[in-house]
C-alpha atoms as a PDB file:
ATOM      1  CA  MET A   1     202.548-123.987 167.368  1.00  0.00           C
ATOM      2  CA  THR A   2     204.699-125.819 164.590  1.00  0.00           C
ATOM      3  CA  ILE A   3     205.194-129.484 163.676  1.00  0.00           C
ATOM      4  CA  SER A   4     207.302-131.647 165.673  1.00  0.00           C
ATOM      5  CA  GLY A   5     210.169-133.695 165.041  1.00  0.00           C
ATOM      6  CA  MET A   6     211.002-136.842 166.658  1.00  0.00           C
ATOM      7  CA  THR A   7     214.704-136.447 167.487  1.00  0.00           C
ATOM      8  CA  GLY A   8     215.995-134.425 170.667  1.00  0.00           C
ATOM      9  CA  PHE A   9     217.209-134.945 174.343  1.00  0.00           C
ATOM     10  CA  GLY A  10     216.300-133.625 177.652  1.00  0.00           C
ATOM     11  CA  ARG A  11     218.067-133.872 181.093  1.00  0.00           C
ATOM     12  CA  ALA A  12     216.957-132.825 184.489  1.00  0.00           C
ATOM     13  CA  GLU A  13     218.593-133.411 188.057  1.00  0.00           C
ATOM     14  CA  GLY A  14     217.322-133.181 191.588  1.00  0.00           C
ATOM     15  CA  SER A  15     217.984-134.067 195.007  1.00  0.00           C
ATOM     16  CA  LEU A  16     216.047-134.924 198.399  1.00  0.00           C
ATOM     17  CA  GLY A  17     217.781-135.621 201.645  1.00  0.00           C
ATOM     18  CA  ALA A  18     220.810-137.747 201.202  1.00  0.00           C
ATOM     19  CA  TRP A  19     219.709-138.873 197.571  1.00  0.00           C
ATOM     20  CA  SER A  20     220.696-137.382 194.341  1.00  0.00           C
ATOM     21  CA  TRP A  21     219.686-138.136 190.886  1.00  0.00           C
ATOM     22  CA  ALA A  22     219.823-137.275 186.975  1.00  0.00           C
ATOM     23  CA  VAL A  23     217.548-138.221 184.389  1.00  0.00           C
ATOM     24  CA  GLU A  24     218.072-138.023 180.910  1.00  0.00           C
ATOM     25  CA  ALA A  25     215.236-138.590 178.048  1.00  0.00           C
ATOM     26  CA  ARG A  26     216.442-138.770 174.189  1.00  0.00           C
ATOM     27  CA  SER A  27     214.282-139.690 171.394  1.00  0.00           C
ATOM     28  CA  VAL A  28     214.822-141.027 167.595  1.00  0.00           C
ATOM     29  CA  ASN A  29     212.555-141.367 164.723  1.00  0.00           C
ATOM     30  CA  GLY A  30     209.794-144.624 165.238  1.00  0.00           C
ATOM     31  CA  ARG A  31     206.568-145.267 163.479  1.00  0.00           C
ATOM     32  CA  ASN A  32     204.741-145.748 166.656  1.00  0.00           C
ATOM     33  CA  LEU A  33     205.395-144.374 170.114  1.00  0.00           C
ATOM     34  CA  GLU A  34     207.809-147.075 172.065  1.00  0.00           C
ATOM     35  CA  VAL A  35     209.308-146.019 175.802  1.00  0.00           C
ATOM     36  CA  ARG A  36     212.521-147.809 177.243  1.00  0.00           C
ATOM     37  CA  PHE A  37     213.115-146.917 180.776  1.00  0.00           C
ATOM     38  CA  ARG A  38     215.955-147.521 183.065  1.00  0.00           C
ATOM     39  CA  GLY A  39     216.117-146.826 186.677  1.00  0.00           C
ATOM     40  CA  PRO A  40     217.557-147.679 189.904  1.00  0.00           C
ATOM     41  CA  PRO A  41     216.968-150.745 191.804  1.00  0.00           C
ATOM     42  CA  GLY A  42     214.004-150.444 194.260  1.00  0.00           C
ATOM     43  CA  PHE A  43     212.275-147.532 192.211  1.00  0.00           C
ATOM     44  CA  GLU A  44     210.334-149.821 190.039  1.00  0.00           C
ATOM     45  CA  GLY A  45     207.448-147.338 190.245  1.00  0.00           C
ATOM     46  CA  LEU A  46     209.368-144.474 188.195  1.00  0.00           C
ATOM     47  CA  GLU A  47     208.877-146.701 185.005  1.00  0.00           C
ATOM     48  CA  ARG A  48     205.024-146.032 185.134  1.00  0.00           C
ATOM     49  CA  ALA A  49     205.822-142.505 185.708  1.00  0.00           C
ATOM     50  CA  ALA A  50     208.142-142.207 182.429  1.00  0.00           C
ATOM     51  CA  ARG A  51     205.564-144.088 180.260  1.00  0.00           C
ATOM     52  CA  GLU A  52     202.888-142.048 181.299  1.00  0.00           C
ATOM     53  CA  GLY A  53     204.687-138.811 180.937  1.00  0.00           C
ATOM     54  CA  ALA A  54     205.591-140.035 177.489  1.00  0.00           C
ATOM     55  CA  GLN A  55     202.415-140.563 176.377  1.00  0.00           C
ATOM     56  CA  ALA A  56     200.809-137.271 177.438  1.00  0.00           C
ATOM     57  CA  ARG A  57     203.505-135.539 175.347  1.00  0.00           C
ATOM     58  CA  PHE A  58     204.427-137.420 172.371  1.00  0.00           C
ATOM     59  CA  GLN A  59     202.676-139.497 169.761  1.00  0.00           C
ATOM     60  CA  ARG A  60     205.814-141.217 167.881  1.00  0.00           C
ATOM     61  CA  GLY A  61     209.220-141.664 168.313  1.00  0.00           C
ATOM     62  CA  GLN A  62     211.186-144.329 170.138  1.00  0.00           C
ATOM     63  CA  LEU A  63     212.381-142.565 173.486  1.00  0.00           C
ATOM     64  CA  THR A  64     214.655-143.686 176.203  1.00  0.00           C
ATOM     65  CA  VAL A  65     214.283-142.424 179.576  1.00  0.00           C
ATOM     66  CA  GLY A  66     217.141-143.210 182.194  1.00  0.00           C
ATOM     67  CA  VAL A  67     217.587-142.532 186.033  1.00  0.00           C
ATOM     68  CA  GLN A  68     220.449-142.736 187.618  1.00  0.00           C
ATOM     69  CA  ALA A  69     220.448-142.241 191.600  1.00  0.00           C
ATOM     70  CA  LYS A  70     222.902-142.274 194.115  1.00  0.00           C
ATOM     71  CA  ARG A  71     223.098-141.685 197.868  1.00  0.00           C
ATOM     72  CA  ALA A  72     225.622-140.141 199.721  1.00  0.00           C
ATOM     73  CA  GLU A  73     228.189-142.056 201.152  1.00  0.00           C
ATOM     74  CA  GLY A  74     228.132-143.267 204.939  1.00  0.00           C
ATOM     75  CA  VAL A  75     224.315-142.337 204.902  1.00  0.00           C
ATOM     76  CA  GLY A  76     221.679-145.189 205.808  1.00  0.00           C
ATOM     77  CA  ALA A  77     222.288-148.871 204.863  1.00  0.00           C
ATOM     78  CA  VAL A  78     221.865-151.209 202.273  1.00  0.00           C
ATOM     79  CA  ARG A  79     220.413-154.794 202.377  1.00  0.00           C
ATOM     80  CA  LEU A  80     221.381-157.815 200.426  1.00  0.00           C
ATOM     81  CA  ASN A  81     218.237-159.490 199.048  1.00  0.00           C
ATOM     82  CA  LEU A  82     219.144-163.242 199.282  1.00  0.00           C
ATOM     83  CA  GLU A  83     216.092-164.502 198.068  1.00  0.00           C
ATOM     84  CA  GLN A  84     216.477-162.361 194.675  1.00  0.00           C
ATOM     85  CA  LEU A  85     219.907-163.196 194.465  1.00  0.00           C
ATOM     86  CA  GLU A  86     218.893-167.182 194.680  1.00  0.00           C
ATOM     87  CA  ARG A  87     216.342-166.736 192.031  1.00  0.00           C
ATOM     88  CA  TYR A  88     219.151-165.301 189.679  1.00  0.00           C
ATOM     89  CA  LEU A  89     221.475-168.403 190.746  1.00  0.00           C
ATOM     90  CA  ALA A  90     219.090-170.936 190.053  1.00  0.00           C
ATOM     91  CA  ALA A  91     217.682-169.614 186.555  1.00  0.00           C
ATOM     92  CA  GLY A  92     221.653-169.195 185.497  1.00  0.00           C
ATOM     93  CA  ALA A  93     222.635-172.383 186.912  1.00  0.00           C
ATOM     94  CA  PRO A  94     221.561-175.105 184.456  1.00  0.00           C
ATOM     95  CA  TYR A  95     223.565-172.889 181.642  1.00  0.00           C
ATOM     96  CA  VAL A  96     226.592-172.776 183.858  1.00  0.00           C
ATOM     97  CA  LEU A  97     226.582-176.621 184.370  1.00  0.00           C
ATOM     98  CA  GLU A  98     226.310-177.194 180.685  1.00  0.00           C
ATOM     99  CA  GLY A  99     229.160-174.611 179.972  1.00  0.00           C
ATOM    100  CA  GLN A 100     227.305-172.639 177.879  1.00  0.00           C
ATOM    101  CA  VAL A 101     228.191-169.510 179.976  1.00  0.00           C
ATOM    102  CA  ALA A 102     231.147-168.613 182.615  1.00  0.00           C
ATOM    103  CA  PRO A 103     229.986-168.760 186.450  1.00  0.00           C
ATOM    104  CA  PRO A 104     228.656-165.155 187.451  1.00  0.00           C
ATOM    105  CA  SER A 105     231.015-163.021 189.066  1.00  0.00           C
ATOM    106  CA  LEU A 106     230.251-161.422 192.360  1.00  0.00           C
ATOM    107  CA  ASP A 107     230.227-157.891 190.973  1.00  0.00           C
ATOM    108  CA  GLY A 108     228.133-158.983 188.429  1.00  0.00           C
ATOM    109  CA  LEU A 109     225.600-160.529 190.750  1.00  0.00           C
ATOM    110  CA  LEU A 110     225.379-157.468 193.167  1.00  0.00           C
ATOM    111  CA  ALA A 111     224.502-155.159 190.024  1.00  0.00           C
ATOM    112  CA  LEU A 112     221.496-157.232 188.944  1.00  0.00           C
ATOM    113  CA  ARG A 113     218.364-155.408 189.650  1.00  0.00           C
ATOM    114  CA  GLY A 114     216.694-156.103 193.256  1.00  0.00           C
ATOM    115  CA  VAL A 115     219.717-157.776 194.789  1.00  0.00           C
ATOM    116  CA  ILE A 116     221.150-154.623 196.598  1.00  0.00           C
ATOM    117  CA  GLU A 117     218.072-152.590 198.336  1.00  0.00           C
ATOM    118  CA  ALA A 118     218.484-149.439 200.115  1.00  0.00           C
ATOM    119  CA  ALA A 119     217.121-150.429 203.366  1.00  0.00           C
ATOM    120  CA  ASP A 120     215.631-147.381 204.750  1.00  0.00           C
ATOM    121  CA  ALA A 121     213.925-146.675 201.337  1.00  0.00           C
ATOM    122  CA  VAL A 122     212.355-150.359 201.851  1.00  0.00           C
ATOM    123  CA  GLU A 123     211.576-149.954 205.591  1.00  0.00           C
ATOM    124  CA  ASP A 124     210.065-146.377 205.406  1.00  0.00           C
ATOM    125  CA  PRO A 125     207.207-146.614 202.789  1.00  0.00           C
ATOM    126  CA  GLU A 126     206.602-142.830 203.540  1.00  0.00           C
ATOM    127  CA  ALA A 127     209.982-141.744 202.354  1.00  0.00           C
ATOM    128  CA  GLN A 128     209.938-144.112 199.292  1.00  0.00           C
ATOM    129  CA  ALA A 129     206.871-142.403 198.080  1.00  0.00           C
ATOM    130  CA  ALA A 130     208.460-138.938 198.902  1.00  0.00           C
ATOM    131  CA  LEU A 131     211.807-139.974 196.878  1.00  0.00           C
ATOM    132  CA  GLU A 132     209.847-141.574 194.241  1.00  0.00           C
ATOM    133  CA  ALA A 133     207.604-138.258 193.661  1.00  0.00           C
ATOM    134  CA  ALA A 134     210.391-136.175 193.422  1.00  0.00           C
ATOM    135  CA  MET A 135     212.178-138.315 190.843  1.00  0.00           C
ATOM    136  CA  ALA A 136     209.013-138.449 188.865  1.00  0.00           C
ATOM    137  CA  ALA A 137     208.865-134.947 188.946  1.00  0.00           C
ATOM    138  CA  SER A 138     212.240-134.621 187.401  1.00  0.00           C
ATOM    139  CA  ILE A 139     211.285-137.220 184.620  1.00  0.00           C
ATOM    140  CA  GLY A 140     208.484-134.788 183.762  1.00  0.00           C
ATOM    141  CA  VAL A 141     211.252-131.956 183.414  1.00  0.00           C
ATOM    142  CA  ALA A 142     213.569-134.011 181.345  1.00  0.00           C
ATOM    143  CA  LEU A 143     210.682-134.994 179.184  1.00  0.00           C
ATOM    144  CA  ASP A 144     209.391-131.230 178.841  1.00  0.00           C
ATOM    145  CA  GLY A 145     213.156-130.631 177.709  1.00  0.00           C
ATOM    146  CA  LEU A 146     212.737-133.282 174.959  1.00  0.00           C
ATOM    147  CA  ALA A 147     209.775-131.919 174.059  1.00  0.00           C
ATOM    148  CA  ALA A 148     211.115-128.412 173.505  1.00  0.00           C
ATOM    149  CA  GLY A 149     214.102-130.330 171.451  1.00  0.00           C
ATOM    150  CA  ARG A 150     211.780-132.037 169.170  1.00  0.00           C
ATOM    151  CA  ALA A 151     209.630-128.920 168.544  1.00  0.00           C
ATOM    152  CA  GLU A 152     212.791-126.917 167.630  1.00  0.00           C
ATOM    153  CA  GLU A 153     213.732-130.095 165.223  1.00  0.00           C
ATOM    154  CA  GLY A 154     210.086-129.368 163.934  1.00  0.00           C
ATOM    155  CA  ARG A 155     210.758-125.803 163.308  1.00  0.00           C
ATOM    156  CA  ALA A 156     213.688-126.450 161.101  1.00  0.00           C
ATOM    157  CA  LEU A 157     211.850-129.164 159.360  1.00  0.00           C
ATOM    158  CA  GLU A 158     209.017-127.214 158.707  1.00  0.00           C
ATOM    159  CA  GLY A 159     211.051-124.940 156.707  1.00  0.00           C
ATOM    160  CA  VAL A 160     212.713-127.488 154.437  1.00  0.00           C
ATOM    161  CA  LEU A 161     209.158-129.191 153.712  1.00  0.00           C
ATOM    162  CA  ALA A 162     207.525-125.999 152.669  1.00  0.00           C
ATOM    163  CA  GLY A 163     210.446-125.325 150.239  1.00  0.00           C
ATOM    164  CA  LEU A 164     209.734-128.906 148.888  1.00  0.00           C
ATOM    165  CA  VAL A 165     206.439-128.310 148.835  1.00  0.00           C
ATOM    166  CA  THR A 166     206.543-125.210 146.581  1.00  0.00           C
ATOM    167  CA  GLN A 167     209.342-126.771 144.581  1.00  0.00           C
ATOM    168  CA  ILE A 168     206.608-129.856 143.615  1.00  0.00           C
ATOM    169  CA  GLY A 169     203.948-127.116 143.083  1.00  0.00           C
ATOM    170  CA  ASP A 170     206.354-125.325 140.557  1.00  0.00           C
ATOM    171  CA  LEU A 171     207.112-128.562 138.641  1.00  0.00           C
ATOM    172  CA  THR A 172     203.567-129.322 138.843  1.00  0.00           C
ATOM    173  CA  ALA A 173     202.657-126.052 136.901  1.00  0.00           C
ATOM    174  CA  LYS A 174     205.575-126.749 134.460  1.00  0.00           C
ATOM    175  CA  ALA A 175     204.273-130.156 133.410  1.00  0.00           C
ATOM    176  CA  SER A 176     200.634-128.469 133.247  1.00  0.00           C
ATOM    177  CA  ALA A 177     202.349-126.154 130.611  1.00  0.00           C
ATOM    178  CA  LEU A 178     203.988-129.022 128.658  1.00  0.00           C
ATOM    179  CA  ALA A 179     200.682-131.226 128.862  1.00  0.00           C
ATOM    180  CA  GLY A 180     199.057-128.749 126.351  1.00  0.00           C
ATOM    181  CA  GLY A 181     201.268-130.255 123.694  1.00  0.00           C
ATOM    182  CA  GLN A 182     200.416-133.677 124.595  1.00  0.00           C
ATOM    183  CA  PRO A 183     197.504-134.021 122.247  1.00  0.00           C
ATOM    184  CA  ALA A 184     199.379-132.843 118.854  1.00  0.00           C
ATOM    185  CA  ILE A 185     202.054-135.131 119.347  1.00  0.00           C
ATOM    186  CA  ILE A 186     199.569-138.336 120.346  1.00  0.00           C
ATOM    187  CA  LYS A 187     197.569-137.222 116.869  1.00  0.00           C
ATOM    188  CA  ALA A 188     201.036-137.387 115.099  1.00  0.00           C
ATOM    189  CA  ARG A 189     201.305-140.905 116.235  1.00  0.00           C
ATOM    190  CA  PHE A 190     198.046-141.961 115.669  1.00  0.00           C
ATOM    191  CA  GLU A 191     198.371-140.857 111.801  1.00  0.00           C
ATOM    192  CA  LYS A 192     201.913-142.591 111.639  1.00  0.00           C
ATOM    193  CA  ARG A 193     200.335-145.420 112.981  1.00  0.00           C
ATOM    194  CA  MET A 194     197.280-145.436 110.818  1.00  0.00           C
ATOM    195  CA  THR A 195     199.867-145.289 107.657  1.00  0.00           C
ATOM    196  CA  GLU A 196     201.587-148.462 109.172  1.00  0.00           C
ATOM    197  CA  LEU A 197     198.122-150.216 109.114  1.00  0.00           C
ATOM    198  CA  ALA A 198     197.411-149.186 105.465  1.00  0.00           C
ATOM    199  CA  GLY A 199     198.407-152.021 103.990  1.00  0.00           C
ATOM    200  CA  GLU A 200     196.581-154.463 106.230  1.00  0.00           C
ATOM    201  CA  ALA A 201     192.966-155.086 106.527  1.00  0.00           C
ATOM    202  CA  VAL A 202     191.910-152.871 109.115  1.00  0.00           C
ATOM    203  CA  SER A 203     188.571-153.009 110.866  1.00  0.00           C
ATOM    204  CA  GLU A 204     186.974-149.721 111.975  1.00  0.00           C
ATOM    205  CA  GLU A 205     186.902-151.260 115.622  1.00  0.00           C
ATOM    206  CA  ARG A 206     190.610-151.584 115.109  1.00  0.00           C
ATOM    207  CA  ILE A 207     190.920-147.974 114.176  1.00  0.00           C
ATOM    208  CA  LEU A 208     188.637-146.611 117.111  1.00  0.00           C
ATOM    209  CA  GLN A 209     190.663-148.644 119.756  1.00  0.00           C
ATOM    210  CA  GLU A 210     194.090-147.331 118.736  1.00  0.00           C
ATOM    211  CA  ALA A 211     192.285-143.882 118.899  1.00  0.00           C
ATOM    212  CA  ALA A 212     191.034-144.377 121.990  1.00  0.00           C
ATOM    213  CA  ALA A 213     193.970-145.965 123.549  1.00  0.00           C
ATOM    214  CA  MET A 214     196.078-142.860 122.414  1.00  0.00           C
ATOM    215  CA  ALA A 215     193.626-140.503 123.504  1.00  0.00           C
ATOM    216  CA  VAL A 216     193.590-141.731 127.142  1.00  0.00           C
ATOM    217  CA  LYS A 217     197.658-141.248 127.110  1.00  0.00           C
ATOM    218  CA  ALA A 218     197.090-137.922 125.712  1.00  0.00           C
ATOM    219  CA  ASP A 219     195.129-136.623 128.938  1.00  0.00           C
ATOM    220  CA  VAL A 220     197.075-136.195 132.061  1.00  0.00           C
ATOM    221  CA  GLN A 221     194.770-133.498 133.390  1.00  0.00           C
ATOM    222  CA  GLU A 222     193.255-135.666 135.910  1.00  0.00           C
ATOM    223  CA  GLU A 223     196.970-136.317 137.523  1.00  0.00           C
ATOM    224  CA  LEU A 224     197.698-132.825 137.257  1.00  0.00           C
ATOM    225  CA  ASP A 225     194.605-131.572 139.441  1.00  0.00           C
ATOM    226  CA  ARG A 226     195.164-134.227 142.003  1.00  0.00           C
ATOM    227  CA  LEU A 227     198.789-133.251 142.331  1.00  0.00           C
ATOM    228  CA  ARG A 228     197.869-129.876 142.988  1.00  0.00           C
ATOM    229  CA  GLY A 229     195.553-130.676 145.321  1.00  0.00           C
ATOM    230  CA  HIS A 230     197.936-132.788 147.059  1.00  0.00           C
ATOM    231  CA  VAL A 231     200.205-129.439 147.233  1.00  0.00           C
ATOM    232  CA  ASP A 232     197.249-127.585 148.799  1.00  0.00           C
ATOM    233  CA  ALA A 233     196.843-130.367 151.152  1.00  0.00           C
ATOM    234  CA  ALA A 234     200.403-130.265 152.333  1.00  0.00           C
ATOM    235  CA  ARG A 235     200.258-126.886 153.016  1.00  0.00           C
ATOM    236  CA  VAL A 236     197.435-127.022 155.077  1.00  0.00           C
ATOM    237  CA  LEU A 237     198.851-130.137 157.153  1.00  0.00           C
ATOM    238  CA  LEU A 238     202.256-128.360 157.666  1.00  0.00           C
ATOM    239  CA  GLY A 239     200.366-125.226 159.175  1.00  0.00           C
ATOM    240  CA  THR A 240     198.481-127.796 161.754  1.00  0.00           C
ATOM    241  CA  ASP A 241     199.106-128.234 165.324  1.00  0.00           C
ATOM    242  CA  GLY A 242     199.707-131.808 166.474  1.00  0.00           C
ATOM    243  CA  GLY A 243     201.377-135.033 164.890  1.00  0.00           C
ATOM    244  CA  VAL A 244     200.888-134.739 161.265  1.00  0.00           C
ATOM    245  CA  GLY A 245     203.679-137.307 160.130  1.00  0.00           C
ATOM    246  CA  ARG A 246     201.418-139.944 159.392  1.00  0.00           C
ATOM    247  CA  LYS A 247     199.397-137.938 157.283  1.00  0.00           C
ATOM    248  CA  LEU A 248     202.135-136.542 155.441  1.00  0.00           C
ATOM    249  CA  ASP A 249     203.632-139.805 155.038  1.00  0.00           C
ATOM    250  CA  PHE A 250     200.414-141.187 153.120  1.00  0.00           C
ATOM    251  CA  LEU A 251     199.950-137.791 151.190  1.00  0.00           C
ATOM    252  CA  THR A 252     203.507-138.438 149.698  1.00  0.00           C
ATOM    253  CA  GLN A 253     202.730-141.686 148.568  1.00  0.00           C
ATOM    254  CA  GLU A 254     199.610-139.867 146.847  1.00  0.00           C
ATOM    255  CA  PHE A 255     202.243-137.682 145.365  1.00  0.00           C
ATOM    256  CA  MET A 256     204.265-140.385 143.931  1.00  0.00           C
ATOM    257  CA  ARG A 257     201.594-142.362 142.467  1.00  0.00           C
ATOM    258  CA  GLU A 258     200.526-139.008 140.331  1.00  0.00           C
ATOM    259  CA  ALA A 259     203.963-138.617 139.603  1.00  0.00           C
ATOM    260  CA  ASN A 260     204.330-142.282 138.042  1.00  0.00           C
ATOM    261  CA  THR A 261     201.133-141.867 136.084  1.00  0.00           C
ATOM    262  CA  LEU A 262     202.017-138.823 134.629  1.00  0.00           C
ATOM    263  CA  CYS A 263     205.504-140.252 133.494  1.00  0.00           C
ATOM    264  CA  SER A 264     203.839-143.363 131.897  1.00  0.00           C
ATOM    265  CA  LYS A 265     201.134-141.167 130.093  1.00  0.00           C
ATOM    266  CA  SER A 266     204.102-138.532 128.902  1.00  0.00           C
ATOM    267  CA  ALA A 267     204.587-138.264 125.089  1.00  0.00           C
ATOM    268  CA  SER A 268     207.509-136.224 124.778  1.00  0.00           C
ATOM    269  CA  GLY A 269     210.711-135.886 126.289  1.00  0.00           C
ATOM    270  CA  ALA A 270     210.276-132.522 128.017  1.00  0.00           C
ATOM    271  CA  LEU A 271     207.424-133.964 129.907  1.00  0.00           C
ATOM    272  CA  THR A 272     209.003-136.967 130.924  1.00  0.00           C
ATOM    273  CA  SER A 273     212.026-134.734 132.246  1.00  0.00           C
ATOM    274  CA  VAL A 274     209.795-132.672 134.394  1.00  0.00           C
ATOM    275  CA  GLY A 275     208.007-135.797 135.611  1.00  0.00           C
ATOM    276  CA  LEU A 276     211.447-137.270 136.822  1.00  0.00           C
ATOM    277  CA  ASP A 277     212.304-134.119 138.519  1.00  0.00           C
ATOM    278  CA  LEU A 278     209.064-134.307 140.063  1.00  0.00           C
ATOM    279  CA  LYS A 279     209.602-137.623 141.457  1.00  0.00           C
ATOM    280  CA  ALA A 280     213.036-136.861 142.660  1.00  0.00           C
ATOM    281  CA  SER A 281     211.397-134.015 144.699  1.00  0.00           C
ATOM    282  CA  ILE A 282     208.606-135.960 146.056  1.00  0.00           C
ATOM    283  CA  GLU A 283     211.187-138.554 147.044  1.00  0.00           C
ATOM    284  CA  GLN A 284     213.334-135.637 149.155  1.00  0.00           C
ATOM    285  CA  PHE A 285     209.974-134.602 150.682  1.00  0.00           C
ATOM    286  CA  ARG A 286     209.394-138.433 151.758  1.00  0.00           C
ATOM    287  CA  GLU A 287     212.868-138.795 153.171  1.00  0.00           C
ATOM    288  CA  GLN A 288     212.398-135.447 155.693  1.00  0.00           C
ATOM    289  CA  VAL A 289     208.584-136.514 156.408  1.00  0.00           C
ATOM    290  CA  GLN A 290     210.143-139.634 158.141  1.00  0.00           C
ATOM    291  CA  ASN A 291     211.353-137.096 160.993  1.00  0.00           C
ATOM    292  CA  VAL A 292     208.272-135.807 161.481  1.00  0.00           C
ATOM    293  CA  GLU A 293     206.038-136.828 164.626  1.00  0.00           C
END
């Protein structure tokens, strides 16, 4: 198993008796799992099947599940739900009277959920249950197809992310090699600073403060050690089953924090240049991580 992306598409079709239907499930990136459902009137129970099916398969992403169903022409009958129609008319009447909206059209009213019902589906509970069960099974098939599409995206993402982690590791090693020259550069700066202060009445405490401040800036070993640790952690996460997107996102923040500190402590143009390249690679990594479940 590999990491999973958050973009994909799945479709399934089915039929039972005079009914036929098609289910489409698609998803895009999202911080949490959000499921939106659209189904035919009279089959409100399908929304639960879609939500539970999505929750069982996915952890993050904005999902849309749609079911389109139709009945063979000339088979069975339909019923106009006048009570539901009256509710819609009553709810919209004040807005029509105030001129805020145009009077509703007949075709618009008939398209509203619950206004037209399949007579036999309502009057025959067993037939309704069997039909909903068959449609729910198709929803599961479409969600499986969506999961397969997200897994395929994850396989492609894994290669890209692994390459960026390697790049970050290489830049960290390069920065480590350059960091060896930090003390000499800082020492030269310290000596120059002491020369500048030679004409002043400088206390020993002031000299110690200057030396301590420059010594702290010269030491970037802690940042480099943490960067190497984050590289190892990223590789472990990329080989872990399940949703790791949030963990990778957090790790990216830690990467950037260390890279920023490295740049702020840099005493040479060469180390600063590597630090900036490091930040650019981390930003690319962050952008790709947004696609991981």
